[in-house]
Amino acid sequence: KVLGVNIKTLQYQVPGGMLSNLVSQLKEAGQEDKYQDVLEE
């Protein structure tokens, strides 16, 4: 996954390592469906 192009980087100005951190934080909280909300926040 980290080898692909992630155009959301330009959209949300979020570094790649930070994106994977967010996914794991949401997974731990059982709220992976909130990913888009977090990106917008």
Full PDB file with SEQRES, HELIX, SHEET, SSBOND, CRYST1, ORIGX, SCALE, CONECT and MASTER records, all heavy atoms in Angstrom:
SEQRES   1 A   41  LYS VAL LEU GLY VAL ASN ILE LYS THR LEU GLN TYR GLN          
SEQRES   2 A   41  VAL PRO GLY GLY MET LEU SER ASN LEU VAL SER GLN LEU          
SEQRES   3 A   41  LYS GLU ALA GLY GLN GLU ASP LYS TYR GLN ASP VAL LEU          
SEQRES   4 A   41  GLU GLU                                                      
HELIX    1 AA1 LYS A    8  TYR A   12  1                                   5    
HELIX    2 AA2 GLY A   16  GLU A   28  1                                  13    
HELIX    3 AA3 GLU A   32  LYS A   34  5                                   3    
HELIX    4 AA4 TYR A   35  GLU A   40  1                                   6    
CRYST1    1.000    1.000    1.000  90.00  90.00  90.00 P 1           1          
ORIGX1      1.000000  0.000000  0.000000        0.00000                         
ORIGX2      0.000000  1.000000  0.000000        0.00000                         
ORIGX3      0.000000  0.000000  1.000000        0.00000                         
SCALE1      1.000000  0.000000  0.000000        0.00000                         
SCALE2      0.000000  1.000000  0.000000        0.00000                         
SCALE3      0.000000  0.000000  1.000000        0.00000                         
ATOM      1  N   LYS A   1       0.821  -1.223   0.000  1.00  0.00           N  
ATOM      2  CA  LYS A   1       0.000   0.000   0.000  1.00  0.00           C  
ATOM      3  C   LYS A   1       0.851   1.267   0.000  1.00  0.00           C  
ATOM      4  O   LYS A   1       0.472   2.276  -0.582  1.00  0.00           O  
ATOM      5  CB  LYS A   1      -0.917   0.026   1.231  1.00  0.00           C  
ATOM      6  CG  LYS A   1      -2.167  -0.838   1.079  1.00  0.00           C  
ATOM      7  CD  LYS A   1      -3.035  -0.695   2.318  1.00  0.00           C  
ATOM      8  CE  LYS A   1      -4.255  -1.618   2.232  1.00  0.00           C  
ATOM      9  NZ  LYS A   1      -5.029  -1.606   3.480  1.00  0.00           N  
ATOM     10  N   VAL A   2       2.011   1.223   0.671  1.00  0.00           N  
ATOM     11  CA  VAL A   2       2.834   2.439   0.762  1.00  0.00           C  
ATOM     12  C   VAL A   2       3.608   2.701  -0.524  1.00  0.00           C  
ATOM     13  O   VAL A   2       4.270   3.720  -0.666  1.00  0.00           O  
ATOM     14  CB  VAL A   2       3.815   2.416   1.972  1.00  0.00           C  
ATOM     15  CG1 VAL A   2       3.078   2.273   3.269  1.00  0.00           C  
ATOM     16  CG2 VAL A   2       4.876   1.337   1.818  1.00  0.00           C  
ATOM     17  N   LEU A   3       3.528   1.768  -1.479  1.00  0.00           N  
ATOM     18  CA  LEU A   3       4.264   1.934  -2.736  1.00  0.00           C  
ATOM     19  C   LEU A   3       3.438   2.632  -3.815  1.00  0.00           C  
ATOM     20  O   LEU A   3       3.953   3.024  -4.847  1.00  0.00           O  
ATOM     21  CB  LEU A   3       4.737   0.570  -3.253  1.00  0.00           C  
ATOM     22  CG  LEU A   3       5.740  -0.147  -2.339  1.00  0.00           C  
ATOM     23  CD1 LEU A   3       5.989  -1.566  -2.830  1.00  0.00           C  
ATOM     24  CD2 LEU A   3       7.055   0.613  -2.263  1.00  0.00           C  
ATOM     25  N   GLY A   4       2.142   2.759  -3.576  1.00  0.00           N  
ATOM     26  CA  GLY A   4       1.272   3.384  -4.573  1.00  0.00           C  
ATOM     27  C   GLY A   4       1.272   4.898  -4.471  1.00  0.00           C  
ATOM     28  O   GLY A   4       1.916   5.489  -3.615  1.00  0.00           O  
ATOM     29  N   VAL A   5       0.533   5.520  -5.374  1.00  0.00           N  
ATOM     30  CA  VAL A   5       0.370   6.982  -5.356  1.00  0.00           C  
ATOM     31  C   VAL A   5      -0.892   7.304  -4.561  1.00  0.00           C  
ATOM     32  O   VAL A   5      -1.936   6.694  -4.773  1.00  0.00           O  
ATOM     33  CB  VAL A   5       0.233   7.523  -6.798  1.00  0.00           C  
ATOM     34  CG1 VAL A   5      -0.257   8.963  -6.795  1.00  0.00           C  
ATOM     35  CG2 VAL A   5       1.572   7.423  -7.515  1.00  0.00           C  
ATOM     36  N   ASN A   6      -0.771   8.233  -3.625  1.00  0.00           N  
ATOM     37  CA  ASN A   6      -1.937   8.623  -2.829  1.00  0.00           C  
ATOM     38  C   ASN A   6      -2.215  10.109  -3.042  1.00  0.00           C  
ATOM     39  O   ASN A   6      -1.615  10.968  -2.414  1.00  0.00           O  
ATOM     40  CB  ASN A   6      -1.701   8.332  -1.345  1.00  0.00           C  
ATOM     41  CG  ASN A   6      -2.977   8.439  -0.546  1.00  0.00           C  
ATOM     42  OD1 ASN A   6      -3.922   9.129  -0.948  1.00  0.00           O  
ATOM     43  ND2 ASN A   6      -3.033   7.755   0.575  1.00  0.00           N  
ATOM     44  N   ILE A   7      -3.127  10.406  -3.947  1.00  0.00           N  
ATOM     45  CA  ILE A   7      -3.387  11.808  -4.315  1.00  0.00           C  
ATOM     46  C   ILE A   7      -4.097  12.559  -3.192  1.00  0.00           C  
ATOM     47  O   ILE A   7      -4.129  13.790  -3.170  1.00  0.00           O  
ATOM     48  CB  ILE A   7      -4.155  11.887  -5.661  1.00  0.00           C  
ATOM     49  CG1 ILE A   7      -3.852  13.228  -6.362  1.00  0.00           C  
ATOM     50  CG2 ILE A   7      -5.647  11.645  -5.477  1.00  0.00           C  
ATOM     51  CD1 ILE A   7      -2.419  13.401  -6.796  1.00  0.00           C  
ATOM     52  N   LYS A   8      -4.612  11.811  -2.201  1.00  0.00           N  
ATOM     53  CA  LYS A   8      -5.242  12.474  -1.047  1.00  0.00           C  
ATOM     54  C   LYS A   8      -4.218  13.303  -0.276  1.00  0.00           C  
ATOM     55  O   LYS A   8      -4.559  14.201   0.477  1.00  0.00           O  
ATOM     56  CB  LYS A   8      -5.862  11.429  -0.109  1.00  0.00           C  
ATOM     57  CG  LYS A   8      -7.218  10.923  -0.594  1.00  0.00           C  
ATOM     58  CD  LYS A   8      -7.811   9.942   0.396  1.00  0.00           C  
ATOM     59  CE  LYS A   8      -9.163   9.453  -0.106  1.00  0.00           C  
ATOM     60  NZ  LYS A   8      -9.583   8.205   0.536  1.00  0.00           N  
ATOM     61  N   THR A   9      -2.955  12.945  -0.463  1.00  0.00           N  
ATOM     62  CA  THR A   9      -1.875  13.733   0.164  1.00  0.00           C  
ATOM     63  C   THR A   9      -1.998  15.201  -0.223  1.00  0.00           C  
ATOM     64  O   THR A   9      -1.880  16.088   0.626  1.00  0.00           O  
ATOM     65  CB  THR A   9      -0.506  13.190  -0.302  1.00  0.00           C  
ATOM     66  OG1 THR A   9      -0.412  11.834   0.089  1.00  0.00           O  
ATOM     67  CG2 THR A   9       0.635  13.960   0.301  1.00  0.00           C  
ATOM     68  N   LEU A  10      -2.215  15.464  -1.515  1.00  0.00           N  
ATOM     69  CA  LEU A  10      -2.337  16.847  -1.977  1.00  0.00           C  
ATOM     70  C   LEU A  10      -3.656  17.460  -1.522  1.00  0.00           C  
ATOM     71  O   LEU A  10      -3.736  18.652  -1.228  1.00  0.00           O  
ATOM     72  CB  LEU A  10      -2.238  16.904  -3.505  1.00  0.00           C  
ATOM     73  CG  LEU A  10      -0.876  16.538  -4.098  1.00  0.00           C  
ATOM     74  CD1 LEU A  10      -0.932  16.533  -5.616  1.00  0.00           C  
ATOM     75  CD2 LEU A  10       0.210  17.496  -3.622  1.00  0.00           C  
ATOM     76  N   GLN A  11      -4.680  16.623  -1.457  1.00  0.00           N  
ATOM     77  CA  GLN A  11      -6.011  17.114  -1.090  1.00  0.00           C  
ATOM     78  C   GLN A  11      -6.082  17.523   0.383  1.00  0.00           C  
ATOM     79  O   GLN A  11      -6.636  18.561   0.729  1.00  0.00           O  
ATOM     80  CB  GLN A  11      -7.022  15.994  -1.361  1.00  0.00           C  
ATOM     81  CG  GLN A  11      -8.453  16.448  -1.473  1.00  0.00           C  
ATOM     82  CD  GLN A  11      -9.362  15.267  -1.836  1.00  0.00           C  
ATOM     83  OE1 GLN A  11      -8.900  14.203  -2.243  1.00  0.00           O  
ATOM     84  NE2 GLN A  11     -10.641  15.452  -1.676  1.00  0.00           N  
ATOM     85  N   TYR A  12      -5.488  16.676   1.264  1.00  0.00           N  
ATOM     86  CA  TYR A  12      -5.602  16.937   2.707  1.00  0.00           C  
ATOM     87  C   TYR A  12      -4.286  17.345   3.364  1.00  0.00           C  
ATOM     88  O   TYR A  12      -4.245  17.575   4.562  1.00  0.00           O  
ATOM     89  CB  TYR A  12      -6.157  15.694   3.419  1.00  0.00           C  
ATOM     90  CG  TYR A  12      -7.536  15.333   2.931  1.00  0.00           C  
ATOM     91  CD1 TYR A  12      -7.740  14.234   2.105  1.00  0.00           C  
ATOM     92  CD2 TYR A  12      -8.651  16.106   3.272  1.00  0.00           C  
ATOM     93  CE1 TYR A  12      -9.009  13.908   1.640  1.00  0.00           C  
ATOM     94  CE2 TYR A  12      -9.915  15.786   2.811  1.00  0.00           C  
ATOM     95  CZ  TYR A  12     -10.094  14.692   1.999  1.00  0.00           C  
ATOM     96  OH  TYR A  12     -11.344  14.371   1.534  1.00  0.00           O  
ATOM     97  N   GLN A  13      -3.203  17.386   2.573  1.00  0.00           N  
ATOM     98  CA  GLN A  13      -1.871  17.763   3.074  1.00  0.00           C  
ATOM     99  C   GLN A  13      -1.404  16.874   4.215  1.00  0.00           C  
ATOM    100  O   GLN A  13      -0.809  17.333   5.184  1.00  0.00           O  
ATOM    101  CB  GLN A  13      -1.873  19.227   3.533  1.00  0.00           C  
ATOM    102  CG  GLN A  13      -2.198  20.195   2.427  1.00  0.00           C  
ATOM    103  CD  GLN A  13      -2.119  21.620   2.905  1.00  0.00           C  
ATOM    104  OE1 GLN A  13      -1.274  21.956   3.715  1.00  0.00           O  
ATOM    105  NE2 GLN A  13      -2.985  22.459   2.405  1.00  0.00           N  
ATOM    106  N   VAL A  14      -1.721  15.596   4.105  1.00  0.00           N  
ATOM    107  CA  VAL A  14      -1.381  14.652   5.168  1.00  0.00           C  
ATOM    108  C   VAL A  14      -0.234  13.753   4.706  1.00  0.00           C  
ATOM    109  O   VAL A  14      -0.364  13.067   3.709  1.00  0.00           O  
ATOM    110  CB  VAL A  14      -2.614  13.788   5.531  1.00  0.00           C  
ATOM    111  CG1 VAL A  14      -2.263  12.768   6.588  1.00  0.00           C  
ATOM    112  CG2 VAL A  14      -3.759  14.664   6.009  1.00  0.00           C  
ATOM    113  N   PRO A  15       0.917  13.752   5.427  1.00  0.00           N  
ATOM    114  CA  PRO A  15       2.017  12.863   5.042  1.00  0.00           C  
ATOM    115  C   PRO A  15       1.598  11.394   5.096  1.00  0.00           C  
ATOM    116  O   PRO A  15       0.707  11.024   5.881  1.00  0.00           O  
ATOM    117  CB  PRO A  15       3.089  13.146   6.102  1.00  0.00           C  
ATOM    118  CG  PRO A  15       2.697  14.417   6.752  1.00  0.00           C  
ATOM    119  CD  PRO A  15       1.225  14.549   6.614  1.00  0.00           C  
ATOM    120  N   GLY A  16       2.282  10.561   4.298  1.00  0.00           N  
ATOM    121  CA  GLY A  16       1.938   9.138   4.209  1.00  0.00           C  
ATOM    122  C   GLY A  16       1.931   8.426   5.552  1.00  0.00           C  
ATOM    123  O   GLY A  16       1.021   7.660   5.867  1.00  0.00           O  
ATOM    124  N   GLY A  17       2.976   8.681   6.373  1.00  0.00           N  
ATOM    125  CA  GLY A  17       3.069   8.021   7.684  1.00  0.00           C  
ATOM    126  C   GLY A  17       1.920   8.408   8.591  1.00  0.00           C  
ATOM    127  O   GLY A  17       1.430   7.603   9.392  1.00  0.00           O  
ATOM    128  N   MET A  18       1.464   9.637   8.447  1.00  0.00           N  
ATOM    129  CA  MET A  18       0.344  10.127   9.265  1.00  0.00           C  
ATOM    130  C   MET A  18      -0.957   9.427   8.860  1.00  0.00           C  
ATOM    131  O   MET A  18      -1.789   9.094   9.712  1.00  0.00           O  
ATOM    132  CB  MET A  18       0.231  11.632   9.079  1.00  0.00           C  
ATOM    133  CG  MET A  18      -0.757  12.304   9.992  1.00  0.00           C  
ATOM    134  SD  MET A  18      -0.664  14.086   9.707  1.00  0.00           S  
ATOM    135  CE  MET A  18      -2.160  14.616  10.514  1.00  0.00           C  
ATOM    136  N   LEU A  19      -1.131   9.173   7.555  1.00  0.00           N  
ATOM    137  CA  LEU A  19      -2.333   8.467   7.083  1.00  0.00           C  
ATOM    138  C   LEU A  19      -2.432   7.085   7.711  1.00  0.00           C  
ATOM    139  O   LEU A  19      -3.488   6.671   8.186  1.00  0.00           O  
ATOM    140  CB  LEU A  19      -2.305   8.335   5.550  1.00  0.00           C  
ATOM    141  CG  LEU A  19      -2.693   9.563   4.725  1.00  0.00           C  
ATOM    142  CD1 LEU A  19      -2.452   9.308   3.250  1.00  0.00           C  
ATOM    143  CD2 LEU A  19      -4.150   9.943   4.942  1.00  0.00           C  
ATOM    144  N   SER A  20      -1.292   6.345   7.715  1.00  0.00           N  
ATOM    145  CA  SER A  20      -1.337   4.992   8.281  1.00  0.00           C  
ATOM    146  C   SER A  20      -1.586   5.028   9.788  1.00  0.00           C  
ATOM    147  O   SER A  20      -2.239   4.152  10.346  1.00  0.00           O  
ATOM    148  CB  SER A  20      -0.063   4.215   7.944  1.00  0.00           C  
ATOM    149  OG  SER A  20       1.070   4.954   8.286  1.00  0.00           O  
ATOM    150  N   ASN A  21      -1.078   6.084  10.472  1.00  0.00           N  
ATOM    151  CA  ASN A  21      -1.345   6.259  11.904  1.00  0.00           C  
ATOM    152  C   ASN A  21      -2.839   6.420  12.169  1.00  0.00           C  
ATOM    153  O   ASN A  21      -3.391   5.846  13.111  1.00  0.00           O  
ATOM    154  CB  ASN A  21      -0.655   7.535  12.416  1.00  0.00           C  
ATOM    155  CG  ASN A  21       0.646   7.239  13.105  1.00  0.00           C  
ATOM    156  OD1 ASN A  21       1.048   6.089  13.219  1.00  0.00           O  
ATOM    157  ND2 ASN A  21       1.311   8.275  13.547  1.00  0.00           N  
ATOM    158  N   LEU A  22      -3.486   7.241  11.332  1.00  0.00           N  
ATOM    159  CA  LEU A  22      -4.925   7.504  11.496  1.00  0.00           C  
ATOM    160  C   LEU A  22      -5.725   6.225  11.347  1.00  0.00           C  
ATOM    161  O   LEU A  22      -6.635   5.954  12.131  1.00  0.00           O  
ATOM    162  CB  LEU A  22      -5.413   8.503  10.433  1.00  0.00           C  
ATOM    163  CG  LEU A  22      -4.825   9.906  10.455  1.00  0.00           C  
ATOM    164  CD1 LEU A  22      -5.401  10.735   9.326  1.00  0.00           C  
ATOM    165  CD2 LEU A  22      -5.091  10.583  11.785  1.00  0.00           C  
ATOM    166  N   VAL A  23      -5.353   5.432  10.331  1.00  0.00           N  
ATOM    167  CA  VAL A  23      -6.071   4.176  10.088  1.00  0.00           C  
ATOM    168  C   VAL A  23      -5.975   3.278  11.311  1.00  0.00           C  
ATOM    169  O   VAL A  23      -6.973   2.713  11.769  1.00  0.00           O  
ATOM    170  CB  VAL A  23      -5.510   3.457   8.828  1.00  0.00           C  
ATOM    171  CG1 VAL A  23      -6.133   2.077   8.676  1.00  0.00           C  
ATOM    172  CG2 VAL A  23      -5.789   4.290   7.574  1.00  0.00           C  
ATOM    173  N   SER A  24      -4.746   3.156  11.890  1.00  0.00           N  
ATOM    174  CA  SER A  24      -4.590   2.256  13.047  1.00  0.00           C  
ATOM    175  C   SER A  24      -5.319   2.796  14.279  1.00  0.00           C  
ATOM    176  O   SER A  24      -5.893   2.030  15.051  1.00  0.00           O  
ATOM    177  CB  SER A  24      -3.119   1.982  13.346  1.00  0.00           C  
ATOM    178  OG  SER A  24      -2.454   3.154  13.717  1.00  0.00           O  
ATOM    179  N   GLN A  25      -5.330   4.135  14.466  1.00  0.00           N  
ATOM    180  CA  GLN A  25      -6.050   4.718  15.610  1.00  0.00           C  
ATOM    181  C   GLN A  25      -7.556   4.440  15.501  1.00  0.00           C  
ATOM    182  O   GLN A  25      -8.206   4.087  16.483  1.00  0.00           O  
ATOM    183  CB  GLN A  25      -5.809   6.231  15.685  1.00  0.00           C  
ATOM    184  CG  GLN A  25      -4.446   6.598  16.251  1.00  0.00           C  
ATOM    185  CD  GLN A  25      -4.209   8.110  16.272  1.00  0.00           C  
ATOM    186  OE1 GLN A  25      -4.906   8.881  15.620  1.00  0.00           O  
ATOM    187  NE2 GLN A  25      -3.211   8.538  17.008  1.00  0.00           N  
ATOM    188  N   LEU A  26      -8.098   4.596  14.295  1.00  0.00           N  
ATOM    189  CA  LEU A  26      -9.528   4.355  14.087  1.00  0.00           C  
ATOM    190  C   LEU A  26      -9.862   2.870  14.218  1.00  0.00           C  
ATOM    191  O   LEU A  26     -10.917   2.504  14.745  1.00  0.00           O  
ATOM    192  CB  LEU A  26      -9.963   4.879  12.707  1.00  0.00           C  
ATOM    193  CG  LEU A  26     -10.006   6.402  12.569  1.00  0.00           C  
ATOM    194  CD1 LEU A  26     -10.177   6.809  11.119  1.00  0.00           C  
ATOM    195  CD2 LEU A  26     -11.128   7.007  13.417  1.00  0.00           C  
ATOM    196  N   LYS A  27      -8.944   2.021  13.761  1.00  0.00           N  
ATOM    197  CA  LYS A  27      -9.151   0.573  13.850  1.00  0.00           C  
ATOM    198  C   LYS A  27      -9.239   0.156  15.320  1.00  0.00           C  
ATOM    199  O   LYS A  27     -10.111  -0.612  15.717  1.00  0.00           O  
ATOM    200  CB  LYS A  27      -7.987  -0.141  13.156  1.00  0.00           C  
ATOM    201  CG  LYS A  27      -8.295  -1.573  12.745  1.00  0.00           C  
ATOM    202  CD  LYS A  27      -7.152  -2.132  11.893  1.00  0.00           C  
ATOM    203  CE  LYS A  27      -7.498  -3.529  11.412  1.00  0.00           C  
ATOM    204  NZ  LYS A  27      -6.407  -4.064  10.555  1.00  0.00           N  
ATOM    205  N   GLU A  28      -8.302   0.684  16.129  1.00  0.00           N  
ATOM    206  CA  GLU A  28      -8.293   0.375  17.570  1.00  0.00           C  
ATOM    207  C   GLU A  28      -9.599   0.791  18.231  1.00  0.00           C  
ATOM    208  O   GLU A  28     -10.094   0.129  19.144  1.00  0.00           O  
ATOM    209  CB  GLU A  28      -7.129   1.107  18.263  1.00  0.00           C  
ATOM    210  CG  GLU A  28      -5.832   0.320  18.247  1.00  0.00           C  
ATOM    211  CD  GLU A  28      -4.683   1.125  18.845  1.00  0.00           C  
ATOM    212  OE1 GLU A  28      -4.905   1.784  19.875  1.00  0.00           O  
ATOM    213  OE2 GLU A  28      -3.575   1.089  18.276  1.00  0.00           O  
ATOM    214  N   ALA A  29     -10.167   1.901  17.769  1.00  0.00           N  
ATOM    215  CA  ALA A  29     -11.411   2.403  18.366  1.00  0.00           C  
ATOM    216  C   ALA A  29     -12.646   1.766  17.719  1.00  0.00           C  
ATOM    217  O   ALA A  29     -13.780   2.087  18.102  1.00  0.00           O  
ATOM    218  CB  ALA A  29     -11.474   3.922  18.210  1.00  0.00           C  
ATOM    219  N   GLY A  30     -12.413   0.876  16.740  1.00  0.00           N  
ATOM    220  CA  GLY A  30     -13.537   0.233  16.044  1.00  0.00           C  
ATOM    221  C   GLY A  30     -14.377   1.226  15.253  1.00  0.00           C  
ATOM    222  O   GLY A  30     -15.587   1.065  15.092  1.00  0.00           O  
ATOM    223  N   GLN A  31     -13.734   2.289  14.740  1.00  0.00           N  
ATOM    224  CA  GLN A  31     -14.484   3.334  14.016  1.00  0.00           C  
ATOM    225  C   GLN A  31     -13.846   3.638  12.660  1.00  0.00           C  
ATOM    226  O   GLN A  31     -13.700   4.798  12.269  1.00  0.00           O  
ATOM    227  CB  GLN A  31     -14.530   4.609  14.874  1.00  0.00           C  
ATOM    228  CG  GLN A  31     -15.100   4.376  16.255  1.00  0.00           C  
ATOM    229  CD  GLN A  31     -16.098   5.461  16.643  1.00  0.00           C  
ATOM    230  OE1 GLN A  31     -16.660   6.148  15.818  1.00  0.00           O  
ATOM    231  NE2 GLN A  31     -16.307   5.601  17.935  1.00  0.00           N  
ATOM    232  N   GLU A  32     -13.476   2.580  11.956  1.00  0.00           N  
ATOM    233  CA  GLU A  32     -12.821   2.764  10.656  1.00  0.00           C  
ATOM    234  C   GLU A  32     -13.710   3.488   9.648  1.00  0.00           C  
ATOM    235  O   GLU A  32     -13.209   4.112   8.708  1.00  0.00           O  
ATOM    236  CB  GLU A  32     -12.402   1.400  10.087  1.00  0.00           C  
ATOM    237  CG  GLU A  32     -11.219   0.798  10.832  1.00  0.00           C  
ATOM    238  CD  GLU A  32     -10.937  -0.640  10.413  1.00  0.00           C  
ATOM    239  OE1 GLU A  32     -10.161  -0.825   9.464  1.00  0.00           O  
ATOM    240  OE2 GLU A  32     -11.498  -1.569  11.026  1.00  0.00           O  
ATOM    241  N   ASP A  33     -15.010   3.415   9.861  1.00  0.00           N  
ATOM    242  CA  ASP A  33     -15.943   4.085   8.941  1.00  0.00           C  
ATOM    243  C   ASP A  33     -15.849   5.608   9.042  1.00  0.00           C  
ATOM    244  O   ASP A  33     -16.410   6.336   8.222  1.00  0.00           O  
ATOM    245  CB  ASP A  33     -17.389   3.630   9.227  1.00  0.00           C  
ATOM    246  CG  ASP A  33     -17.809   3.929  10.660  1.00  0.00           C  
ATOM    247  OD1 ASP A  33     -16.972   3.758  11.573  1.00  0.00           O  
ATOM    248  OD2 ASP A  33     -18.966   4.333  10.874  1.00  0.00           O  
ATOM    249  N   LYS A  34     -15.128   6.103  10.065  1.00  0.00           N  
ATOM    250  CA  LYS A  34     -15.015   7.564  10.266  1.00  0.00           C  
ATOM    251  C   LYS A  34     -13.775   8.153   9.565  1.00  0.00           C  
ATOM    252  O   LYS A  34     -13.429   9.317   9.792  1.00  0.00           O  
ATOM    253  CB  LYS A  34     -14.936   7.877  11.781  1.00  0.00           C  
ATOM    254  CG  LYS A  34     -16.173   7.424  12.554  1.00  0.00           C  
ATOM    255  CD  LYS A  34     -17.238   8.475  12.509  1.00  0.00           C  
ATOM    256  CE  LYS A  34     -18.532   8.153  13.210  1.00  0.00           C  
ATOM    257  NZ  LYS A  34     -18.541   7.423  14.410  1.00  0.00           N  
ATOM    258  N   TYR A  35     -13.091   7.347   8.770  1.00  0.00           N  
ATOM    259  CA  TYR A  35     -11.828   7.773   8.121  1.00  0.00           C  
ATOM    260  C   TYR A  35     -12.006   9.077   7.337  1.00  0.00           C  
ATOM    261  O   TYR A  35     -11.233  10.026   7.499  1.00  0.00           O  
ATOM    262  CB  TYR A  35     -11.342   6.651   7.190  1.00  0.00           C  
ATOM    263  CG  TYR A  35     -10.042   6.934   6.471  1.00  0.00           C  
ATOM    264  CD1 TYR A  35      -8.855   7.146   7.172  1.00  0.00           C  
ATOM    265  CD2 TYR A  35      -9.985   6.977   5.072  1.00  0.00           C  
ATOM    266  CE1 TYR A  35      -7.661   7.400   6.505  1.00  0.00           C  
ATOM    267  CE2 TYR A  35      -8.795   7.226   4.402  1.00  0.00           C  
ATOM    268  CZ  TYR A  35      -7.638   7.433   5.126  1.00  0.00           C  
ATOM    269  OH  TYR A  35      -6.457   7.680   4.461  1.00  0.00           O  
ATOM    270  N   GLN A  36     -13.029   9.144   6.513  1.00  0.00           N  
ATOM    271  CA  GLN A  36     -13.262  10.330   5.689  1.00  0.00           C  
ATOM    272  C   GLN A  36     -13.538  11.559   6.564  1.00  0.00           C  
ATOM    273  O   GLN A  36     -13.035  12.660   6.293  1.00  0.00           O  
ATOM    274  CB  GLN A  36     -14.439  10.093   4.727  1.00  0.00           C  
ATOM    275  CG  GLN A  36     -14.623  11.168   3.651  1.00  0.00           C  
ATOM    276  CD  GLN A  36     -13.412  11.352   2.736  1.00  0.00           C  
ATOM    277  OE1 GLN A  36     -12.718  10.393   2.403  1.00  0.00           O  
ATOM    278  NE2 GLN A  36     -13.129  12.590   2.355  1.00  0.00           N  
ATOM    279  N   ASP A  37     -14.297  11.353   7.640  1.00  0.00           N  
ATOM    280  CA  ASP A  37     -14.604  12.459   8.566  1.00  0.00           C  
ATOM    281  C   ASP A  37     -13.316  13.016   9.187  1.00  0.00           C  
ATOM    282  O   ASP A  37     -13.157  14.227   9.336  1.00  0.00           O  
ATOM    283  CB  ASP A  37     -15.535  11.986   9.698  1.00  0.00           C  
ATOM    284  CG  ASP A  37     -16.907  11.572   9.180  1.00  0.00           C  
ATOM    285  OD1 ASP A  37     -17.251  11.991   8.059  1.00  0.00           O  
ATOM    286  OD2 ASP A  37     -17.611  10.827   9.878  1.00  0.00           O  
ATOM    287  N   VAL A  38     -12.396  12.080   9.545  1.00  0.00           N  
ATOM    288  CA  VAL A  38     -11.132  12.508  10.156  1.00  0.00           C  
ATOM    289  C   VAL A  38     -10.286  13.286   9.142  1.00  0.00           C  
ATOM    290  O   VAL A  38      -9.708  14.326   9.464  1.00  0.00           O  
ATOM    291  CB  VAL A  38     -10.347  11.298  10.715  1.00  0.00           C  
ATOM    292  CG1 VAL A  38      -8.941  11.709  11.148  1.00  0.00           C  
ATOM    293  CG2 VAL A  38     -11.085  10.681  11.898  1.00  0.00           C  
ATOM    294  N   LEU A  39     -10.238  12.795   7.896  1.00  0.00           N  
ATOM    295  CA  LEU A  39      -9.479  13.500   6.853  1.00  0.00           C  
ATOM    296  C   LEU A  39      -9.984  14.935   6.673  1.00  0.00           C  
ATOM    297  O   LEU A  39      -9.201  15.854   6.444  1.00  0.00           O  
ATOM    298  CB  LEU A  39      -9.585  12.756   5.516  1.00  0.00           C  
ATOM    299  CG  LEU A  39      -8.669  11.548   5.317  1.00  0.00           C  
ATOM    300  CD1 LEU A  39      -8.882  10.943   3.935  1.00  0.00           C  
ATOM    301  CD2 LEU A  39      -7.190  11.914   5.477  1.00  0.00           C  
ATOM    302  N   GLU A  40     -11.302  15.099   6.782  1.00  0.00           N  
ATOM    303  CA  GLU A  40     -11.874  16.438   6.621  1.00  0.00           C  
ATOM    304  C   GLU A  40     -11.670  17.309   7.869  1.00  0.00           C  
ATOM    305  O   GLU A  40     -11.635  18.534   7.779  1.00  0.00           O  
ATOM    306  CB  GLU A  40     -13.368  16.324   6.275  1.00  0.00           C  
ATOM    307  CG  GLU A  40     -13.568  15.850   4.836  1.00  0.00           C  
ATOM    308  CD  GLU A  40     -14.977  15.379   4.523  1.00  0.00           C  
ATOM    309  OE1 GLU A  40     -15.885  15.639   5.344  1.00  0.00           O  
ATOM    310  OE2 GLU A  40     -15.166  14.743   3.464  1.00  0.00           O  
ATOM    311  N   GLU A  41     -11.523  16.652   9.018  1.00  0.00           N  
ATOM    312  CA  GLU A  41     -11.323  17.379  10.279  1.00  0.00           C  
ATOM    313  C   GLU A  41      -9.878  17.883  10.415  1.00  0.00           C  
ATOM    314  O   GLU A  41      -9.635  18.925  11.040  1.00  0.00           O  
ATOM    315  CB  GLU A  41     -11.692  16.467  11.462  1.00  0.00           C  
ATOM    316  CG  GLU A  41     -11.456  17.045  12.852  1.00  0.00           C  
ATOM    317  CD  GLU A  41     -12.312  18.272  13.198  1.00  0.00           C  
ATOM    318  OE1 GLU A  41     -13.144  18.719  12.374  1.00  0.00           O  
ATOM    319  OE2 GLU A  41     -12.146  18.805  14.312  1.00  0.00           O  
TER     320      GLU A  41                                                      
MASTER        0    0    0    4    0    0    0    6  319    1    0    4          
END                                                                             
